[in-house]
N, C-alpha and C. Protein backbone atom coordinates (compact mmCIF):
# COMPACT_ATOMS: atom_id res chain seq x y z
N UNK A 1 0.84 -1.17 0.00
CA UNK A 1 0.00 0.00 0.00
C UNK A 1 0.89 1.24 0.00
N UNK A 2 0.59 2.17 -0.91
CA UNK A 2 1.40 3.38 -1.00
C UNK A 2 0.92 4.42 0.00
N UNK A 3 1.88 5.09 0.60
CA UNK A 3 1.54 6.18 1.50
C UNK A 3 1.68 7.50 0.76
N UNK A 4 0.78 8.40 1.05
CA UNK A 4 0.89 9.72 0.44
C UNK A 4 1.76 10.58 1.33
N UNK A 5 2.51 11.40 0.69
CA UNK A 5 3.38 12.30 1.45
C UNK A 5 2.54 13.39 2.11
N UNK A 6 3.04 13.95 3.22
CA UNK A 6 2.29 15.03 3.86
C UNK A 6 2.11 16.23 2.94
N UNK A 7 3.09 16.47 2.06
CA UNK A 7 3.01 17.59 1.13
C UNK A 7 1.87 17.39 0.14
N UNK A 8 1.70 16.18 -0.36
CA UNK A 8 0.63 15.87 -1.31
C UNK A 8 -0.73 16.01 -0.62
N UNK A 9 -0.82 15.54 0.61
CA UNK A 9 -2.07 15.65 1.36
C UNK A 9 -2.42 17.12 1.61
N UNK A 10 -1.42 17.92 1.94
CA UNK A 10 -1.65 19.35 2.16
C UNK A 10 -2.13 20.02 0.87
N UNK A 11 -1.53 19.67 -0.25
CA UNK A 11 -1.95 20.23 -1.53
C UNK A 11 -3.39 19.86 -1.85
N UNK A 12 -3.76 18.63 -1.57
CA UNK A 12 -5.14 18.19 -1.83
C UNK A 12 -6.12 18.94 -0.93
N UNK A 13 -5.76 19.14 0.33
CA UNK A 13 -6.62 19.88 1.25
C UNK A 13 -6.78 21.33 0.81
N UNK A 14 -5.70 21.95 0.36
CA UNK A 14 -5.76 23.34 -0.12
C UNK A 14 -6.64 23.43 -1.36
N UNK A 15 -6.47 22.45 -2.27
CA UNK A 15 -7.29 22.45 -3.49
C UNK A 15 -8.77 22.30 -3.15
N UNK A 16 -9.11 21.43 -2.22
CA UNK A 16 -10.50 21.26 -1.82
C UNK A 16 -11.05 22.54 -1.19
N UNK A 17 -10.23 23.19 -0.37
CA UNK A 17 -10.65 24.43 0.28
C UNK A 17 -10.88 25.54 -0.76
N UNK A 18 -9.98 25.65 -1.74
CA UNK A 18 -10.13 26.65 -2.79
C UNK A 18 -11.36 26.36 -3.66
N UNK A 19 -11.62 25.08 -3.92
CA UNK A 19 -12.81 24.71 -4.68
C UNK A 19 -14.09 25.11 -3.93
N UNK A 20 -14.09 24.94 -2.61
CA UNK A 20 -15.25 25.35 -1.81
C UNK A 20 -15.46 26.85 -1.88
N UNK A 21 -14.38 27.61 -1.80
CA UNK A 21 -14.48 29.07 -1.88
C UNK A 21 -15.00 29.49 -3.25
N UNK A 22 -14.49 28.85 -4.30
CA UNK A 22 -14.95 29.16 -5.65
C UNK A 22 -16.44 28.89 -5.79
N UNK A 23 -16.89 27.74 -5.29
CA UNK A 23 -18.33 27.42 -5.37
C UNK A 23 -19.16 28.42 -4.56
N UNK A 24 -18.67 28.82 -3.39
CA UNK A 24 -19.38 29.80 -2.58
C UNK A 24 -19.56 31.10 -3.34
N UNK A 25 -18.50 31.59 -3.96
CA UNK A 25 -18.59 32.83 -4.73
C UNK A 25 -19.45 32.66 -5.97
N UNK A 26 -19.31 31.52 -6.66
CA UNK A 26 -20.02 31.32 -7.92
C UNK A 26 -21.53 31.18 -7.74
N UNK A 27 -21.94 30.45 -6.70
CA UNK A 27 -23.36 30.14 -6.57
C UNK A 27 -24.09 30.93 -5.49
N UNK A 28 -23.38 31.66 -4.66
CA UNK A 28 -24.04 32.42 -3.61
C UNK A 28 -23.69 33.91 -3.65
N UNK A 29 -22.43 34.22 -3.42
CA UNK A 29 -22.03 35.62 -3.24
C UNK A 29 -22.18 36.43 -4.52
N UNK A 30 -21.63 35.95 -5.63
CA UNK A 30 -21.69 36.69 -6.89
C UNK A 30 -23.13 36.94 -7.36
N UNK A 31 -24.00 35.94 -7.41
CA UNK A 31 -25.37 36.22 -7.88
C UNK A 31 -26.12 37.21 -6.98
N UNK A 32 -25.93 37.10 -5.68
CA UNK A 32 -26.62 38.01 -4.76
C UNK A 32 -26.08 39.43 -4.93
N UNK A 33 -24.75 39.57 -4.98
CA UNK A 33 -24.17 40.90 -5.14
C UNK A 33 -24.55 41.50 -6.49
N UNK A 34 -24.51 40.69 -7.54
CA UNK A 34 -24.84 41.18 -8.88
C UNK A 34 -26.30 41.64 -8.95
N UNK A 35 -27.20 40.89 -8.34
CA UNK A 35 -28.61 41.29 -8.32
C UNK A 35 -28.79 42.58 -7.51
N UNK A 36 -28.14 42.67 -6.35
CA UNK A 36 -28.22 43.88 -5.53
C UNK A 36 -27.67 45.08 -6.29
N UNK A 37 -26.54 44.90 -6.96
CA UNK A 37 -25.93 45.99 -7.71
C UNK A 37 -26.82 46.44 -8.87
N UNK A 38 -27.39 45.50 -9.58
CA UNK A 38 -28.27 45.84 -10.69
C UNK A 38 -29.48 46.63 -10.18
N UNK A 39 -30.08 46.16 -9.10
CA UNK A 39 -31.21 46.88 -8.51
C UNK A 39 -30.79 48.30 -8.12
N UNK A 40 -29.65 48.41 -7.46
CA UNK A 40 -29.18 49.72 -6.98
C UNK A 40 -28.88 50.67 -8.13
N UNK A 41 -28.28 50.16 -9.19
CA UNK A 41 -27.93 51.01 -10.33
C UNK A 41 -29.14 51.45 -11.15
N UNK A 42 -30.22 50.68 -11.09
CA UNK A 42 -31.36 50.98 -11.95
C UNK A 42 -32.57 51.54 -11.20
N UNK A 43 -32.53 51.56 -9.87
CA UNK A 43 -33.70 52.05 -9.14
C UNK A 43 -33.81 53.57 -9.26
N UNK A 44 -35.02 54.08 -9.12
CA UNK A 44 -35.20 55.54 -9.17
C UNK A 44 -34.49 56.22 -8.01
N UNK A 45 -34.04 57.44 -8.24
CA UNK A 45 -33.37 58.22 -7.21
C UNK A 45 -34.43 59.00 -6.44
N UNK A 46 -34.41 58.88 -5.10
CA UNK A 46 -35.36 59.61 -4.26
C UNK A 46 -34.68 60.67 -3.40
N UNK A 47 -33.36 60.56 -3.22
CA UNK A 47 -32.63 61.49 -2.36
C UNK A 47 -31.77 62.38 -3.24
N UNK A 48 -31.85 63.67 -3.01
CA UNK A 48 -30.98 64.59 -3.73
C UNK A 48 -29.62 64.57 -3.05
N UNK A 49 -28.58 64.45 -3.87
CA UNK A 49 -27.23 64.33 -3.35
C UNK A 49 -26.82 65.54 -2.52
N UNK A 50 -27.36 66.70 -2.85
CA UNK A 50 -26.99 67.92 -2.14
C UNK A 50 -27.46 67.90 -0.68
N UNK A 51 -28.45 67.07 -0.36
CA UNK A 51 -28.98 67.02 1.01
C UNK A 51 -28.16 66.12 1.92
N UNK A 52 -27.28 65.33 1.36
CA UNK A 52 -26.46 64.44 2.17
C UNK A 52 -25.30 65.20 2.79
N UNK A 53 -25.02 64.99 4.05
CA UNK A 53 -23.95 65.71 4.74
C UNK A 53 -22.56 65.28 4.26
N UNK A 54 -22.45 64.07 3.72
CA UNK A 54 -21.14 63.57 3.29
C UNK A 54 -20.94 63.68 1.78
N UNK A 55 -21.77 64.42 1.12
CA UNK A 55 -21.69 64.56 -0.33
C UNK A 55 -20.52 65.46 -0.75
N UNK A 56 -19.91 65.11 -1.85
CA UNK A 56 -18.84 65.92 -2.44
C UNK A 56 -18.87 65.72 -3.95
N UNK A 57 -18.17 66.60 -4.66
CA UNK A 57 -18.14 66.50 -6.12
C UNK A 57 -17.58 65.15 -6.56
N UNK A 58 -18.20 64.57 -7.55
CA UNK A 58 -17.79 63.30 -8.14
C UNK A 58 -17.86 62.13 -7.15
N UNK A 59 -18.67 62.25 -6.13
CA UNK A 59 -18.85 61.15 -5.18
C UNK A 59 -19.39 59.91 -5.89
N UNK A 60 -20.29 60.10 -6.85
CA UNK A 60 -20.86 58.96 -7.55
C UNK A 60 -19.82 58.19 -8.35
N UNK A 61 -18.81 58.88 -8.83
CA UNK A 61 -17.74 58.18 -9.57
C UNK A 61 -16.94 57.27 -8.64
N UNK A 62 -16.66 57.77 -7.43
CA UNK A 62 -15.95 56.97 -6.43
C UNK A 62 -16.78 55.74 -6.06
N UNK A 63 -18.09 55.94 -5.89
CA UNK A 63 -18.98 54.83 -5.56
C UNK A 63 -18.99 53.82 -6.71
N UNK A 64 -19.05 54.29 -7.95
CA UNK A 64 -19.02 53.38 -9.10
C UNK A 64 -17.74 52.55 -9.09
N UNK A 65 -16.62 53.18 -8.84
CA UNK A 65 -15.34 52.45 -8.82
C UNK A 65 -15.36 51.39 -7.73
N UNK A 66 -15.81 51.74 -6.54
CA UNK A 66 -15.81 50.80 -5.41
C UNK A 66 -16.72 49.60 -5.68
N UNK A 67 -17.95 49.86 -6.14
CA UNK A 67 -18.88 48.73 -6.34
C UNK A 67 -18.43 47.84 -7.50
N UNK A 68 -17.78 48.41 -8.51
CA UNK A 68 -17.31 47.58 -9.61
C UNK A 68 -16.02 46.84 -9.25
N UNK A 69 -15.20 47.40 -8.39
CA UNK A 69 -14.03 46.66 -7.89
C UNK A 69 -14.51 45.44 -7.10
N UNK A 70 -15.52 45.64 -6.25
CA UNK A 70 -16.08 44.51 -5.50
C UNK A 70 -16.69 43.47 -6.44
N UNK A 71 -17.40 43.93 -7.46
CA UNK A 71 -17.98 43.01 -8.42
C UNK A 71 -16.89 42.24 -9.16
N UNK A 72 -15.84 42.94 -9.58
CA UNK A 72 -14.73 42.27 -10.25
C UNK A 72 -14.05 41.25 -9.36
N UNK A 73 -13.88 41.58 -8.08
CA UNK A 73 -13.28 40.65 -7.13
C UNK A 73 -14.14 39.39 -6.99
N UNK A 74 -15.44 39.60 -6.80
CA UNK A 74 -16.35 38.45 -6.67
C UNK A 74 -16.34 37.60 -7.94
N UNK A 75 -16.31 38.26 -9.09
CA UNK A 75 -16.31 37.54 -10.37
C UNK A 75 -15.05 36.70 -10.52
N UNK A 76 -13.88 37.29 -10.18
CA UNK A 76 -12.61 36.55 -10.29
C UNK A 76 -12.54 35.40 -9.29
N UNK A 77 -13.14 35.58 -8.12
CA UNK A 77 -13.17 34.49 -7.14
C UNK A 77 -14.09 33.37 -7.61
N UNK A 78 -15.16 33.72 -8.30
CA UNK A 78 -16.11 32.72 -8.79
C UNK A 78 -15.58 31.98 -10.01
N UNK A 79 -14.78 32.66 -10.83
CA UNK A 79 -14.25 32.08 -12.06
C UNK A 79 -12.74 32.31 -12.14
N UNK A 80 -11.96 31.68 -11.27
CA UNK A 80 -10.53 31.96 -11.21
C UNK A 80 -9.73 31.51 -12.44
N UNK A 81 -10.24 30.54 -13.17
CA UNK A 81 -9.49 30.03 -14.32
C UNK A 81 -9.82 30.75 -15.62
N UNK A 82 -10.78 31.64 -15.56
CA UNK A 82 -11.17 32.38 -16.76
C UNK A 82 -10.09 33.40 -17.12
N UNK A 83 -9.91 33.63 -18.39
CA UNK A 83 -8.91 34.60 -18.82
C UNK A 83 -9.28 35.99 -18.32
N UNK A 84 -8.25 36.72 -17.90
CA UNK A 84 -8.44 38.04 -17.31
C UNK A 84 -9.13 39.00 -18.28
N UNK A 85 -8.75 38.98 -19.54
CA UNK A 85 -9.32 39.89 -20.53
C UNK A 85 -10.82 39.62 -20.72
N UNK A 86 -11.22 38.36 -20.67
CA UNK A 86 -12.64 38.02 -20.79
C UNK A 86 -13.42 38.59 -19.61
N UNK A 87 -12.83 38.53 -18.41
CA UNK A 87 -13.46 39.10 -17.22
C UNK A 87 -13.65 40.60 -17.38
N UNK A 88 -12.64 41.27 -17.92
CA UNK A 88 -12.73 42.72 -18.15
C UNK A 88 -13.85 43.03 -19.14
N UNK A 89 -13.97 42.23 -20.19
CA UNK A 89 -15.03 42.43 -21.18
C UNK A 89 -16.42 42.24 -20.57
N UNK A 90 -16.56 41.26 -19.69
CA UNK A 90 -17.83 41.01 -19.02
C UNK A 90 -18.21 42.23 -18.16
N UNK A 91 -17.25 42.72 -17.38
CA UNK A 91 -17.50 43.87 -16.50
C UNK A 91 -17.80 45.13 -17.33
N UNK A 92 -17.06 45.35 -18.41
CA UNK A 92 -17.30 46.51 -19.27
C UNK A 92 -18.68 46.42 -19.93
N UNK A 93 -19.03 45.24 -20.39
CA UNK A 93 -20.35 45.05 -21.00
C UNK A 93 -21.47 45.31 -20.00
N UNK A 94 -21.30 44.82 -18.79
CA UNK A 94 -22.30 45.05 -17.74
C UNK A 94 -22.41 46.54 -17.43
N UNK A 95 -21.27 47.22 -17.31
CA UNK A 95 -21.28 48.66 -17.05
C UNK A 95 -21.98 49.41 -18.17
N UNK A 96 -21.71 49.04 -19.42
CA UNK A 96 -22.36 49.71 -20.55
C UNK A 96 -23.86 49.46 -20.56
N UNK A 97 -24.25 48.23 -20.31
CA UNK A 97 -25.69 47.89 -20.31
C UNK A 97 -26.43 48.66 -19.22
N UNK A 98 -25.85 48.74 -18.01
CA UNK A 98 -26.53 49.46 -16.94
C UNK A 98 -26.64 50.95 -17.24
N UNK A 99 -25.61 51.52 -17.86
CA UNK A 99 -25.68 52.94 -18.21
C UNK A 99 -26.74 53.20 -19.27
N UNK A 100 -26.84 52.34 -20.27
CA UNK A 100 -27.86 52.49 -21.31
C UNK A 100 -29.25 52.31 -20.71
N UNK A 101 -29.41 51.32 -19.83
CA UNK A 101 -30.71 51.09 -19.20
C UNK A 101 -31.12 52.26 -18.31
N UNK A 102 -30.15 52.88 -17.64
CA UNK A 102 -30.47 54.06 -16.82
C UNK A 102 -31.11 55.15 -17.68
N UNK A 103 -30.60 55.30 -18.88
CA UNK A 103 -31.14 56.34 -19.78
C UNK A 103 -32.49 55.93 -20.36
N UNK A 104 -32.63 54.70 -20.79
CA UNK A 104 -33.84 54.29 -21.51
C UNK A 104 -35.03 54.01 -20.58
N UNK A 105 -34.77 53.68 -19.31
CA UNK A 105 -35.87 53.37 -18.40
C UNK A 105 -36.56 54.62 -17.86
N UNK A 106 -35.93 55.77 -18.00
CA UNK A 106 -36.51 57.05 -17.58
C UNK A 106 -37.03 57.04 -16.15
N UNK A 107 -36.18 56.65 -15.22
CA UNK A 107 -36.55 56.60 -13.80
C UNK A 107 -35.78 57.65 -12.99
N UNK A 108 -35.38 58.72 -13.65
CA UNK A 108 -34.67 59.77 -12.95
C UNK A 108 -33.16 59.62 -12.99
N UNK A 109 -32.70 58.64 -13.70
CA UNK A 109 -31.26 58.44 -13.85
C UNK A 109 -30.87 58.78 -15.28
N UNK A 110 -29.59 59.05 -15.46
CA UNK A 110 -29.14 59.39 -16.81
C UNK A 110 -27.85 58.64 -17.13
N UNK A 111 -27.64 58.43 -18.41
CA UNK A 111 -26.44 57.76 -18.88
C UNK A 111 -25.30 58.78 -18.89
N UNK A 112 -24.17 58.41 -18.28
CA UNK A 112 -23.01 59.30 -18.26
C UNK A 112 -21.77 58.53 -18.68
N UNK A 113 -21.04 59.09 -19.60
CA UNK A 113 -19.79 58.48 -20.04
C UNK A 113 -18.80 58.37 -18.89
N UNK A 114 -18.78 59.37 -18.01
CA UNK A 114 -17.86 59.35 -16.86
C UNK A 114 -18.17 58.19 -15.92
N UNK A 115 -19.45 57.85 -15.76
CA UNK A 115 -19.81 56.69 -14.93
C UNK A 115 -19.32 55.40 -15.58
N UNK A 116 -19.47 55.31 -16.89
CA UNK A 116 -19.00 54.12 -17.61
C UNK A 116 -17.49 53.97 -17.47
N UNK A 117 -16.76 55.06 -17.61
CA UNK A 117 -15.29 55.02 -17.43
C UNK A 117 -14.95 54.60 -16.02
N UNK A 118 -15.67 55.10 -15.02
CA UNK A 118 -15.45 54.70 -13.63
C UNK A 118 -15.75 53.21 -13.43
N UNK A 119 -16.77 52.71 -14.11
CA UNK A 119 -17.10 51.29 -14.02
C UNK A 119 -15.95 50.43 -14.55
N UNK A 120 -15.38 50.83 -15.66
CA UNK A 120 -14.29 50.07 -16.27
C UNK A 120 -13.01 50.17 -15.44
N UNK A 121 -12.80 51.36 -14.89
CA UNK A 121 -11.58 51.58 -14.11
C UNK A 121 -11.50 50.61 -12.96
């Protein structure tokens, strides 16, 4: 009977752990975050930015960058073997679609090129 080396066993345990994390992101975290983000990006605006105490110029661009960085992180964790450029194209396409939908749905939001650039960034 062959014995497995401790190094091989450790590698197998790490691989199993990484596979669990990938499945968690792919089937739970990414879909929930993506749905939440889509809802947030497309819902009507009820609060005027000027009334917020923490508002500043271009705050929405910073928010776009942060939420898309989180989305990109979740996407890469869910699909770690996918080519990086394909991931960028998926994120850029999603950013473009949400900006176009903001304009066409007429819910008080508007399409802005600067938001799209922030999404890609």
